[in-house]
Amino acid sequence: MNRKLKLDELSRVSVEEFKKQKKLPIIVVLDNIRSLNNVGSFFRTSDAFNIEAVYLCGITAQPPHREIQKTALGATESVEWKYFETTEQALGVLKEKEFIIYAIEQTENPIYLQEFTYNLEKVALVFGNEVDGVSQNVVNLSKNSIEIPQFGTKHSFNVSISYGVVLWHLVNQSLKGL
């Protein structure tokens, strides 16, 4: 039998300890995400995988906000974040810091996720609006796009689910020492 662990057995770090931990050099950029629940999910996933920061752009809501907090469960306190009026401004800052920028989007010549290799370089992952996706201008400013293969009729995931899938792929590679 395999016993489920209790919350006090999970060896969670404090917010202060988390902030001092070395982070994966990944910044997630939210390009006009409209759902506050999705924003909260991005924070929570970023905390779970020890990501450097979340950049909120355009209409993307900023903490503190009750609806973000519902899904973030306090991760807005642990994960670094910045707000930019436009995604283009955020990408300019990231390029100055020598981050490689990838749009998570369906495009003509994407890198399919299973073919994407992560070697712990500084990367920025741009996720787009729930209806319109990553804007074409932002796709143009990216090194390339990464696409998650899909086999159903909808050809889309919820944006926060896409983040979990892509981030797990990168984290899994970093855990294997690639």
N, C-alpha and C. Protein backbone atom coordinates (compact mmCIF):
# COMPACT_ATOMS: atom_id res chain seq x y z
N MET A 1 0.84 -1.17 0.00
CA MET A 1 0.00 0.00 0.00
C MET A 1 0.89 1.25 0.00
N ASN A 2 0.40 2.29 -0.60
CA ASN A 2 1.13 3.54 -0.72
C ASN A 2 0.32 4.64 -0.03
N ARG A 3 0.81 5.13 1.11
CA ARG A 3 0.08 6.10 1.91
C ARG A 3 0.24 7.52 1.36
N LYS A 4 -0.85 8.22 1.25
CA LYS A 4 -0.83 9.62 0.84
C LYS A 4 -0.17 10.45 1.93
N LEU A 5 0.71 11.38 1.52
CA LEU A 5 1.38 12.25 2.49
C LEU A 5 0.44 13.35 2.97
N LYS A 6 0.65 13.76 4.20
CA LYS A 6 -0.08 14.89 4.77
C LYS A 6 0.67 16.17 4.42
N LEU A 7 -0.02 17.29 4.47
CA LEU A 7 0.58 18.57 4.11
C LEU A 7 1.86 18.86 4.89
N ASP A 8 1.88 18.54 6.17
CA ASP A 8 3.07 18.84 6.97
C ASP A 8 4.23 17.88 6.70
N GLU A 9 4.02 16.88 5.85
CA GLU A 9 5.07 15.94 5.48
C GLU A 9 5.72 16.28 4.14
N LEU A 10 5.29 17.33 3.50
CA LEU A 10 5.74 17.64 2.14
C LEU A 10 7.06 18.43 2.08
N SER A 11 7.60 18.84 3.20
CA SER A 11 8.88 19.56 3.25
C SER A 11 8.90 20.79 2.35
N ARG A 12 7.86 21.57 2.43
CA ARG A 12 7.78 22.79 1.63
C ARG A 12 8.70 23.86 2.20
N VAL A 13 9.29 24.64 1.31
CA VAL A 13 10.14 25.74 1.74
C VAL A 13 9.26 26.96 2.02
N SER A 14 9.76 27.87 2.83
CA SER A 14 9.04 29.11 3.10
C SER A 14 9.18 30.05 1.89
N VAL A 15 8.38 31.09 1.85
CA VAL A 15 8.48 32.08 0.78
C VAL A 15 9.88 32.69 0.77
N GLU A 16 10.42 32.99 1.93
CA GLU A 16 11.76 33.57 2.03
C GLU A 16 12.82 32.61 1.48
N GLU A 17 12.71 31.33 1.85
CA GLU A 17 13.65 30.32 1.34
C GLU A 17 13.51 30.16 -0.17
N PHE A 18 12.28 30.17 -0.66
CA PHE A 18 12.02 30.04 -2.09
C PHE A 18 12.70 31.18 -2.86
N LYS A 19 12.54 32.39 -2.36
CA LYS A 19 13.12 33.55 -3.05
C LYS A 19 14.64 33.48 -3.12
N LYS A 20 15.28 32.78 -2.18
CA LYS A 20 16.74 32.66 -2.14
C LYS A 20 17.25 31.50 -3.01
N GLN A 21 16.37 30.57 -3.37
CA GLN A 21 16.78 29.42 -4.17
C GLN A 21 17.25 29.85 -5.55
N LYS A 22 18.21 29.12 -6.10
CA LYS A 22 18.60 29.34 -7.49
C LYS A 22 17.43 28.92 -8.37
N LYS A 23 17.08 29.75 -9.32
CA LYS A 23 15.94 29.50 -10.20
C LYS A 23 16.37 28.93 -11.54
N LEU A 24 15.44 28.24 -12.19
CA LEU A 24 15.66 27.88 -13.59
C LEU A 24 15.62 29.19 -14.38
N PRO A 25 16.53 29.38 -15.33
CA PRO A 25 16.57 30.64 -16.08
C PRO A 25 15.48 30.71 -17.15
N ILE A 26 14.25 30.65 -16.67
CA ILE A 26 13.07 30.70 -17.56
C ILE A 26 12.17 31.83 -17.08
N ILE A 27 11.79 32.68 -18.02
CA ILE A 27 10.80 33.72 -17.74
C ILE A 27 9.60 33.46 -18.64
N VAL A 28 8.43 33.45 -18.05
CA VAL A 28 7.21 33.28 -18.83
C VAL A 28 6.61 34.65 -19.06
N VAL A 29 6.20 34.90 -20.30
CA VAL A 29 5.63 36.18 -20.71
C VAL A 29 4.18 35.95 -21.09
N LEU A 30 3.28 36.67 -20.44
CA LEU A 30 1.85 36.53 -20.72
C LEU A 30 1.41 37.68 -21.62
N ASP A 31 1.11 37.35 -22.86
CA ASP A 31 0.74 38.32 -23.90
C ASP A 31 -0.77 38.49 -23.92
N ASN A 32 -1.25 39.43 -23.10
CA ASN A 32 -2.67 39.79 -23.08
C ASN A 32 -3.59 38.63 -22.68
N ILE A 33 -3.25 37.98 -21.58
CA ILE A 33 -4.10 36.91 -21.04
C ILE A 33 -5.30 37.55 -20.35
N ARG A 34 -6.49 37.14 -20.71
CA ARG A 34 -7.69 37.82 -20.19
C ARG A 34 -8.26 37.18 -18.93
N SER A 35 -8.04 35.88 -18.72
CA SER A 35 -8.62 35.19 -17.57
C SER A 35 -7.74 35.33 -16.34
N LEU A 36 -8.30 35.85 -15.28
CA LEU A 36 -7.55 35.98 -14.03
C LEU A 36 -7.24 34.62 -13.43
N ASN A 37 -8.11 33.65 -13.64
CA ASN A 37 -7.83 32.28 -13.18
C ASN A 37 -6.61 31.71 -13.90
N ASN A 38 -6.50 31.97 -15.20
CA ASN A 38 -5.31 31.52 -15.93
C ASN A 38 -4.05 32.19 -15.40
N VAL A 39 -4.13 33.48 -15.12
CA VAL A 39 -2.98 34.20 -14.57
C VAL A 39 -2.55 33.55 -13.26
N GLY A 40 -3.49 33.26 -12.40
CA GLY A 40 -3.18 32.60 -11.14
C GLY A 40 -2.54 31.24 -11.35
N SER A 41 -3.03 30.50 -12.34
CA SER A 41 -2.44 29.19 -12.64
C SER A 41 -1.00 29.31 -13.11
N PHE A 42 -0.70 30.34 -13.89
CA PHE A 42 0.68 30.57 -14.31
C PHE A 42 1.58 30.80 -13.10
N PHE A 43 1.12 31.58 -12.15
CA PHE A 43 1.92 31.83 -10.95
C PHE A 43 2.15 30.53 -10.17
N ARG A 44 1.10 29.78 -10.00
CA ARG A 44 1.19 28.55 -9.20
C ARG A 44 2.14 27.54 -9.85
N THR A 45 2.05 27.38 -11.16
CA THR A 45 2.94 26.47 -11.88
C THR A 45 4.37 26.98 -11.85
N SER A 46 4.56 28.29 -11.96
CA SER A 46 5.89 28.88 -11.90
C SER A 46 6.54 28.64 -10.55
N ASP A 47 5.77 28.73 -9.50
CA ASP A 47 6.26 28.43 -8.16
C ASP A 47 6.66 26.96 -8.06
N ALA A 48 5.80 26.08 -8.52
CA ALA A 48 6.04 24.64 -8.40
C ALA A 48 7.33 24.22 -9.11
N PHE A 49 7.64 24.86 -10.22
CA PHE A 49 8.82 24.49 -11.00
C PHE A 49 9.99 25.46 -10.83
N ASN A 50 9.88 26.41 -9.88
CA ASN A 50 11.01 27.27 -9.51
C ASN A 50 11.51 28.12 -10.68
N ILE A 51 10.59 28.81 -11.32
CA ILE A 51 10.89 29.64 -12.48
C ILE A 51 11.33 31.03 -12.04
N GLU A 52 12.20 31.64 -12.84
CA GLU A 52 12.77 32.94 -12.48
C GLU A 52 11.73 34.04 -12.31
N ALA A 53 10.81 34.18 -13.27
CA ALA A 53 9.86 35.30 -13.18
C ALA A 53 8.70 35.12 -14.15
N VAL A 54 7.65 35.89 -13.89
CA VAL A 54 6.49 36.00 -14.77
C VAL A 54 6.40 37.45 -15.21
N TYR A 55 6.30 37.68 -16.51
CA TYR A 55 6.10 39.03 -17.05
C TYR A 55 4.66 39.13 -17.53
N LEU A 56 3.94 40.09 -16.99
CA LEU A 56 2.54 40.33 -17.32
C LEU A 56 2.47 41.49 -18.29
N CYS A 57 1.77 41.31 -19.41
CA CYS A 57 1.78 42.33 -20.46
C CYS A 57 0.38 42.69 -20.93
N GLY A 58 0.22 43.97 -21.26
CA GLY A 58 -1.03 44.44 -21.85
C GLY A 58 -2.20 44.33 -20.89
N ILE A 59 -3.26 43.65 -21.33
CA ILE A 59 -4.48 43.54 -20.52
C ILE A 59 -4.37 42.50 -19.41
N THR A 60 -3.25 41.78 -19.36
CA THR A 60 -3.08 40.76 -18.32
C THR A 60 -3.16 41.41 -16.94
N ALA A 61 -4.03 40.89 -16.09
CA ALA A 61 -4.23 41.46 -14.75
C ALA A 61 -3.00 41.24 -13.88
N GLN A 62 -2.86 42.12 -12.89
CA GLN A 62 -1.73 42.07 -11.97
C GLN A 62 -2.22 41.77 -10.55
N PRO A 63 -1.39 41.08 -9.78
CA PRO A 63 -1.71 40.91 -8.36
C PRO A 63 -1.57 42.26 -7.65
N PRO A 64 -2.18 42.46 -6.53
CA PRO A 64 -3.08 41.52 -5.88
C PRO A 64 -4.49 41.60 -6.47
N HIS A 65 -5.10 40.47 -6.63
CA HIS A 65 -6.47 40.39 -7.12
C HIS A 65 -7.07 39.09 -6.62
N ARG A 66 -8.27 39.18 -6.10
CA ARG A 66 -8.96 38.03 -5.52
C ARG A 66 -9.07 36.86 -6.50
N GLU A 67 -9.40 37.15 -7.76
CA GLU A 67 -9.60 36.09 -8.75
C GLU A 67 -8.27 35.42 -9.12
N ILE A 68 -7.18 36.17 -9.15
CA ILE A 68 -5.87 35.58 -9.40
C ILE A 68 -5.50 34.68 -8.22
N GLN A 69 -5.76 35.18 -7.03
CA GLN A 69 -5.38 34.47 -5.81
C GLN A 69 -6.09 33.12 -5.67
N LYS A 70 -7.31 33.01 -6.23
CA LYS A 70 -8.06 31.75 -6.15
C LYS A 70 -7.25 30.58 -6.69
N THR A 71 -6.55 30.80 -7.80
CA THR A 71 -5.78 29.71 -8.39
C THR A 71 -4.29 29.79 -8.04
N ALA A 72 -3.79 30.97 -7.75
CA ALA A 72 -2.36 31.12 -7.41
C ALA A 72 -2.05 30.54 -6.03
N LEU A 73 -3.01 30.58 -5.13
CA LEU A 73 -2.84 30.05 -3.77
C LEU A 73 -1.58 30.59 -3.08
N GLY A 74 -1.31 31.89 -3.24
CA GLY A 74 -0.17 32.50 -2.57
C GLY A 74 1.09 32.60 -3.41
N ALA A 75 1.10 32.01 -4.59
CA ALA A 75 2.30 32.02 -5.43
C ALA A 75 2.66 33.41 -5.93
N THR A 76 1.73 34.35 -5.88
CA THR A 76 2.06 35.73 -6.28
C THR A 76 3.02 36.36 -5.27
N GLU A 77 3.11 35.78 -4.08
CA GLU A 77 4.04 36.28 -3.05
C GLU A 77 5.43 35.69 -3.22
N SER A 78 5.53 34.52 -3.84
CA SER A 78 6.83 33.85 -3.95
C SER A 78 7.50 34.07 -5.31
N VAL A 79 6.73 34.16 -6.36
CA VAL A 79 7.28 34.28 -7.72
C VAL A 79 7.47 35.76 -8.07
N GLU A 80 8.67 36.08 -8.56
CA GLU A 80 8.93 37.44 -9.02
C GLU A 80 8.07 37.72 -10.25
N TRP A 81 7.59 38.96 -10.35
CA TRP A 81 6.81 39.33 -11.52
C TRP A 81 7.00 40.80 -11.83
N LYS A 82 6.78 41.15 -13.10
CA LYS A 82 6.84 42.54 -13.55
C LYS A 82 5.71 42.75 -14.54
N TYR A 83 5.25 44.00 -14.60
CA TYR A 83 4.21 44.36 -15.56
C TYR A 83 4.80 45.27 -16.64
N PHE A 84 4.38 45.05 -17.89
CA PHE A 84 4.77 45.88 -19.02
C PHE A 84 3.51 46.28 -19.78
N GLU A 85 3.46 47.51 -20.25
CA GLU A 85 2.28 47.96 -21.01
C GLU A 85 2.10 47.16 -22.29
N THR A 86 3.22 46.76 -22.91
CA THR A 86 3.14 45.95 -24.12
C THR A 86 4.09 44.76 -24.01
N THR A 87 3.75 43.73 -24.73
CA THR A 87 4.62 42.54 -24.78
C THR A 87 5.92 42.89 -25.47
N GLU A 88 5.87 43.77 -26.45
CA GLU A 88 7.07 44.18 -27.16
C GLU A 88 8.08 44.82 -26.20
N GLN A 89 7.60 45.63 -25.25
CA GLN A 89 8.50 46.22 -24.24
C GLN A 89 9.17 45.12 -23.42
N ALA A 90 8.40 44.14 -23.00
CA ALA A 90 8.95 43.03 -22.20
C ALA A 90 10.01 42.28 -23.00
N LEU A 91 9.74 42.03 -24.28
CA LEU A 91 10.70 41.30 -25.11
C LEU A 91 11.98 42.11 -25.32
N GLY A 92 11.86 43.42 -25.41
CA GLY A 92 13.05 44.27 -25.52
C GLY A 92 13.95 44.12 -24.30
N VAL A 93 13.35 44.12 -23.12
CA VAL A 93 14.11 43.93 -21.88
C VAL A 93 14.76 42.55 -21.87
N LEU A 94 14.01 41.54 -22.27
CA LEU A 94 14.54 40.18 -22.28
C LEU A 94 15.69 40.02 -23.27
N LYS A 95 15.57 40.65 -24.44
CA LYS A 95 16.67 40.57 -25.42
C LYS A 95 17.92 41.25 -24.88
N GLU A 96 17.76 42.37 -24.17
CA GLU A 96 18.91 43.05 -23.55
C GLU A 96 19.58 42.14 -22.53
N LYS A 97 18.79 41.30 -21.86
CA LYS A 97 19.32 40.36 -20.86
C LYS A 97 19.76 39.04 -21.50
N GLU A 98 19.76 38.99 -22.83
CA GLU A 98 20.21 37.84 -23.61
C GLU A 98 19.37 36.58 -23.41
N PHE A 99 18.06 36.76 -23.24
CA PHE A 99 17.15 35.63 -23.21
C PHE A 99 16.80 35.24 -24.65
N ILE A 100 16.65 33.95 -24.90
CA ILE A 100 16.17 33.45 -26.19
C ILE A 100 14.66 33.37 -26.08
N ILE A 101 13.96 33.97 -27.02
CA ILE A 101 12.50 34.10 -26.92
C ILE A 101 11.81 33.11 -27.85
N TYR A 102 10.86 32.37 -27.29
CA TYR A 102 10.05 31.42 -28.05
C TYR A 102 8.58 31.72 -27.80
N ALA A 103 7.83 31.82 -28.88
CA ALA A 103 6.38 31.94 -28.78
C ALA A 103 5.81 30.52 -28.73
N ILE A 104 4.88 30.29 -27.85
CA ILE A 104 4.20 29.00 -27.81
C ILE A 104 2.95 29.19 -28.66
N GLU A 105 3.06 28.74 -29.90
CA GLU A 105 2.03 29.07 -30.88
C GLU A 105 2.10 28.10 -32.05
N GLN A 106 0.99 27.97 -32.75
CA GLN A 106 0.92 27.17 -33.96
C GLN A 106 1.28 28.09 -35.13
N THR A 107 2.39 27.78 -35.80
CA THR A 107 2.87 28.60 -36.91
C THR A 107 3.27 27.70 -38.08
N GLU A 108 3.71 28.31 -39.17
CA GLU A 108 4.07 27.55 -40.37
C GLU A 108 5.24 26.59 -40.15
N ASN A 109 6.26 27.02 -39.44
CA ASN A 109 7.46 26.20 -39.27
C ASN A 109 7.87 26.13 -37.80
N PRO A 110 7.05 25.50 -36.97
CA PRO A 110 7.38 25.48 -35.54
C PRO A 110 8.44 24.44 -35.21
N ILE A 111 8.93 24.52 -33.99
CA ILE A 111 9.66 23.41 -33.40
C ILE A 111 8.61 22.64 -32.61
N TYR A 112 8.43 21.37 -32.91
CA TYR A 112 7.47 20.59 -32.13
C TYR A 112 8.08 20.30 -30.77
N LEU A 113 7.27 20.37 -29.74
CA LEU A 113 7.75 20.30 -28.37
C LEU A 113 8.67 19.10 -28.14
N GLN A 114 8.32 17.94 -28.66
CA GLN A 114 9.13 16.75 -28.43
C GLN A 114 10.52 16.86 -29.07
N GLU A 115 10.70 17.81 -29.99
CA GLU A 115 11.99 18.02 -30.65
C GLU A 115 12.78 19.17 -30.03
N PHE A 116 12.19 19.87 -29.09
CA PHE A 116 12.84 21.03 -28.48
C PHE A 116 13.77 20.56 -27.36
N THR A 117 15.02 20.96 -27.44
CA THR A 117 16.01 20.60 -26.45
C THR A 117 16.31 21.81 -25.59
N TYR A 118 16.27 21.62 -24.29
CA TYR A 118 16.55 22.68 -23.33
C TYR A 118 17.84 22.36 -22.59
N ASN A 119 18.81 23.25 -22.70
CA ASN A 119 20.12 23.06 -22.10
C ASN A 119 20.40 24.07 -20.99
N LEU A 120 19.38 24.47 -20.27
CA LEU A 120 19.49 25.42 -19.17
C LEU A 120 19.94 26.81 -19.61
N GLU A 121 19.75 27.13 -20.89
CA GLU A 121 20.00 28.49 -21.34
C GLU A 121 18.87 29.40 -20.89
N LYS A 122 19.10 30.70 -20.95
CA LYS A 122 18.08 31.66 -20.55
C LYS A 122 17.02 31.75 -21.64
N VAL A 123 15.81 31.28 -21.31
CA VAL A 123 14.73 31.32 -22.29
C VAL A 123 13.53 32.07 -21.74
N ALA A 124 12.82 32.70 -22.66
CA ALA A 124 11.54 33.33 -22.36
C ALA A 124 10.49 32.61 -23.20
N LEU A 125 9.42 32.21 -22.56
CA LEU A 125 8.32 31.51 -23.22
C LEU A 125 7.12 32.44 -23.24
N VAL A 126 6.63 32.78 -24.44
CA VAL A 126 5.51 33.71 -24.57
C VAL A 126 4.24 32.92 -24.83
N PHE A 127 3.25 33.14 -23.98
CA PHE A 127 1.93 32.53 -24.11
C PHE A 127 0.92 33.62 -24.40
N GLY A 128 0.00 33.34 -25.32
CA GLY A 128 -0.91 34.38 -25.80
C GLY A 128 -2.32 34.30 -25.29
N ASN A 129 -3.06 35.29 -25.70
CA ASN A 129 -4.46 35.47 -25.38
C ASN A 129 -5.26 34.21 -25.68
N GLU A 130 -6.25 33.94 -24.84
CA GLU A 130 -7.05 32.72 -24.94
C GLU A 130 -7.81 32.60 -26.26
N VAL A 131 -8.11 33.71 -26.91
CA VAL A 131 -8.84 33.68 -28.18
C VAL A 131 -7.90 33.86 -29.36
N ASP A 132 -7.03 34.86 -29.28
CA ASP A 132 -6.20 35.24 -30.42
C ASP A 132 -4.80 34.65 -30.41
N GLY A 133 -4.39 34.03 -29.31
CA GLY A 133 -3.05 33.47 -29.23
C GLY A 133 -1.99 34.55 -29.10
N VAL A 134 -0.76 34.20 -29.41
CA VAL A 134 0.35 35.15 -29.39
C VAL A 134 0.21 36.03 -30.62
N SER A 135 0.32 37.33 -30.43
CA SER A 135 0.15 38.24 -31.57
C SER A 135 1.23 38.01 -32.62
N GLN A 136 0.90 38.27 -33.88
CA GLN A 136 1.85 38.05 -34.98
C GLN A 136 3.12 38.88 -34.77
N ASN A 137 2.98 40.10 -34.29
CA ASN A 137 4.14 40.94 -34.05
C ASN A 137 5.09 40.29 -33.04
N VAL A 138 4.53 39.68 -32.01
CA VAL A 138 5.35 39.02 -30.99
C VAL A 138 5.97 37.74 -31.57
N VAL A 139 5.22 37.01 -32.39
CA VAL A 139 5.79 35.84 -33.08
C VAL A 139 6.99 36.29 -33.91
N ASN A 140 6.86 37.42 -34.60
CA ASN A 140 7.95 37.94 -35.43
C ASN A 140 9.19 38.29 -34.60
N LEU A 141 9.00 38.70 -33.36
CA LEU A 141 10.11 39.08 -32.48
C LEU A 141 10.75 37.89 -31.79
N SER A 142 10.16 36.73 -31.94
CA SER A 142 10.65 35.51 -31.28
C SER A 142 11.66 34.79 -32.17
N LYS A 143 12.55 34.03 -31.55
CA LYS A 143 13.50 33.23 -32.32
C LYS A 143 12.77 32.20 -33.16
N ASN A 144 11.78 31.57 -32.55
CA ASN A 144 10.97 30.57 -33.23
C ASN A 144 9.72 30.34 -32.39
N SER A 145 8.86 29.46 -32.86
CA SER A 145 7.69 29.07 -32.08
C SER A 145 7.82 27.60 -31.71
N ILE A 146 7.21 27.26 -30.60
CA ILE A 146 7.15 25.88 -30.15
C ILE A 146 5.68 25.47 -30.18
N GLU A 147 5.41 24.32 -30.76
CA GLU A 147 4.04 23.84 -30.86
C GLU A 147 3.90 22.50 -30.14
N ILE A 148 2.84 22.37 -29.38
CA ILE A 148 2.50 21.11 -28.72
C ILE A 148 1.67 20.29 -29.71
N PRO A 149 2.13 19.10 -30.09
CA PRO A 149 1.34 18.28 -31.00
C PRO A 149 -0.01 17.94 -30.38
N GLN A 150 -1.05 17.98 -31.20
CA GLN A 150 -2.40 17.67 -30.73
C GLN A 150 -3.10 16.81 -31.77
N PHE A 151 -4.00 15.97 -31.31
CA PHE A 151 -4.58 14.97 -32.20
C PHE A 151 -6.10 14.96 -32.20
N GLY A 152 -6.73 15.88 -31.48
CA GLY A 152 -8.18 15.93 -31.41
C GLY A 152 -8.77 16.90 -32.40
N THR A 153 -10.01 17.25 -32.19
CA THR A 153 -10.72 18.14 -33.12
C THR A 153 -10.53 19.62 -32.78
N LYS A 154 -10.13 19.96 -31.57
CA LYS A 154 -10.09 21.36 -31.13
C LYS A 154 -8.79 22.08 -31.48
N HIS A 155 -7.68 21.36 -31.53
CA HIS A 155 -6.38 21.94 -31.85
C HIS A 155 -5.99 23.10 -30.95
N SER A 156 -6.42 23.00 -29.69
CA SER A 156 -5.96 23.99 -28.71
C SER A 156 -6.14 23.42 -27.31
N PHE A 157 -5.27 23.89 -26.43
CA PHE A 157 -5.38 23.62 -25.00
C PHE A 157 -5.72 24.92 -24.31
N ASN A 158 -6.21 24.84 -23.10
CA ASN A 158 -6.27 26.03 -22.27
C ASN A 158 -4.84 26.53 -22.12
N VAL A 159 -4.64 27.84 -22.12
CA VAL A 159 -3.30 28.41 -22.11
C VAL A 159 -2.49 28.01 -20.88
N SER A 160 -3.15 27.89 -19.73
CA SER A 160 -2.39 27.50 -18.53
C SER A 160 -2.02 26.01 -18.57
N ILE A 161 -2.83 25.20 -19.25
CA ILE A 161 -2.48 23.79 -19.46
C ILE A 161 -1.28 23.70 -20.39
N SER A 162 -1.29 24.50 -21.44
CA SER A 162 -0.14 24.54 -22.36
C SER A 162 1.15 24.88 -21.61
N TYR A 163 1.05 25.81 -20.68
CA TYR A 163 2.22 26.20 -19.89
C TYR A 163 2.74 25.00 -19.10
N GLY A 164 1.85 24.29 -18.45
CA GLY A 164 2.27 23.12 -17.68
C GLY A 164 2.94 22.07 -18.54
N VAL A 165 2.40 21.82 -19.72
CA VAL A 165 2.96 20.82 -20.63
C VAL A 165 4.36 21.25 -21.09
N VAL A 166 4.49 22.48 -21.56
CA VAL A 166 5.77 22.98 -22.06
C VAL A 166 6.80 23.05 -20.94
N LEU A 167 6.39 23.59 -19.81
CA LEU A 167 7.33 23.73 -18.70
C LEU A 167 7.80 22.37 -18.19
N TRP A 168 6.91 21.40 -18.11
CA TRP A 168 7.33 20.08 -17.66
C TRP A 168 8.37 19.50 -18.63
N HIS A 169 8.20 19.71 -19.92
CA HIS A 169 9.17 19.22 -20.89
C HIS A 169 10.55 19.82 -20.61
N LEU A 170 10.62 21.12 -20.35
CA LEU A 170 11.90 21.77 -20.07
C LEU A 170 12.47 21.33 -18.72
N VAL A 171 11.63 21.28 -17.71
CA VAL A 171 12.10 20.88 -16.38
C VAL A 171 12.57 19.43 -16.41
N ASN A 172 11.85 18.57 -17.08
CA ASN A 172 12.24 17.17 -17.18
C ASN A 172 13.62 17.04 -17.81
N GLN A 173 13.90 17.82 -18.85
CA GLN A 173 15.22 17.78 -19.46
C GLN A 173 16.29 18.30 -18.49
N SER A 174 15.97 19.34 -17.74
CA SER A 174 16.96 19.88 -16.80
C SER A 174 17.24 18.88 -15.67
N LEU A 175 16.22 18.11 -15.28
CA LEU A 175 16.41 17.10 -14.24
C LEU A 175 17.30 15.95 -14.72
N LYS A 176 17.27 15.71 -16.02
CA LYS A 176 18.10 14.64 -16.58
C LYS A 176 19.53 15.12 -16.84
N GLY A 177 19.78 16.42 -16.59
CA GLY A 177 21.13 16.95 -16.74
C GLY A 177 21.51 17.33 -18.14
N LEU A 178 20.53 17.53 -19.01
CA LEU A 178 20.85 17.95 -20.38
C LEU A 178 21.40 19.34 -20.43
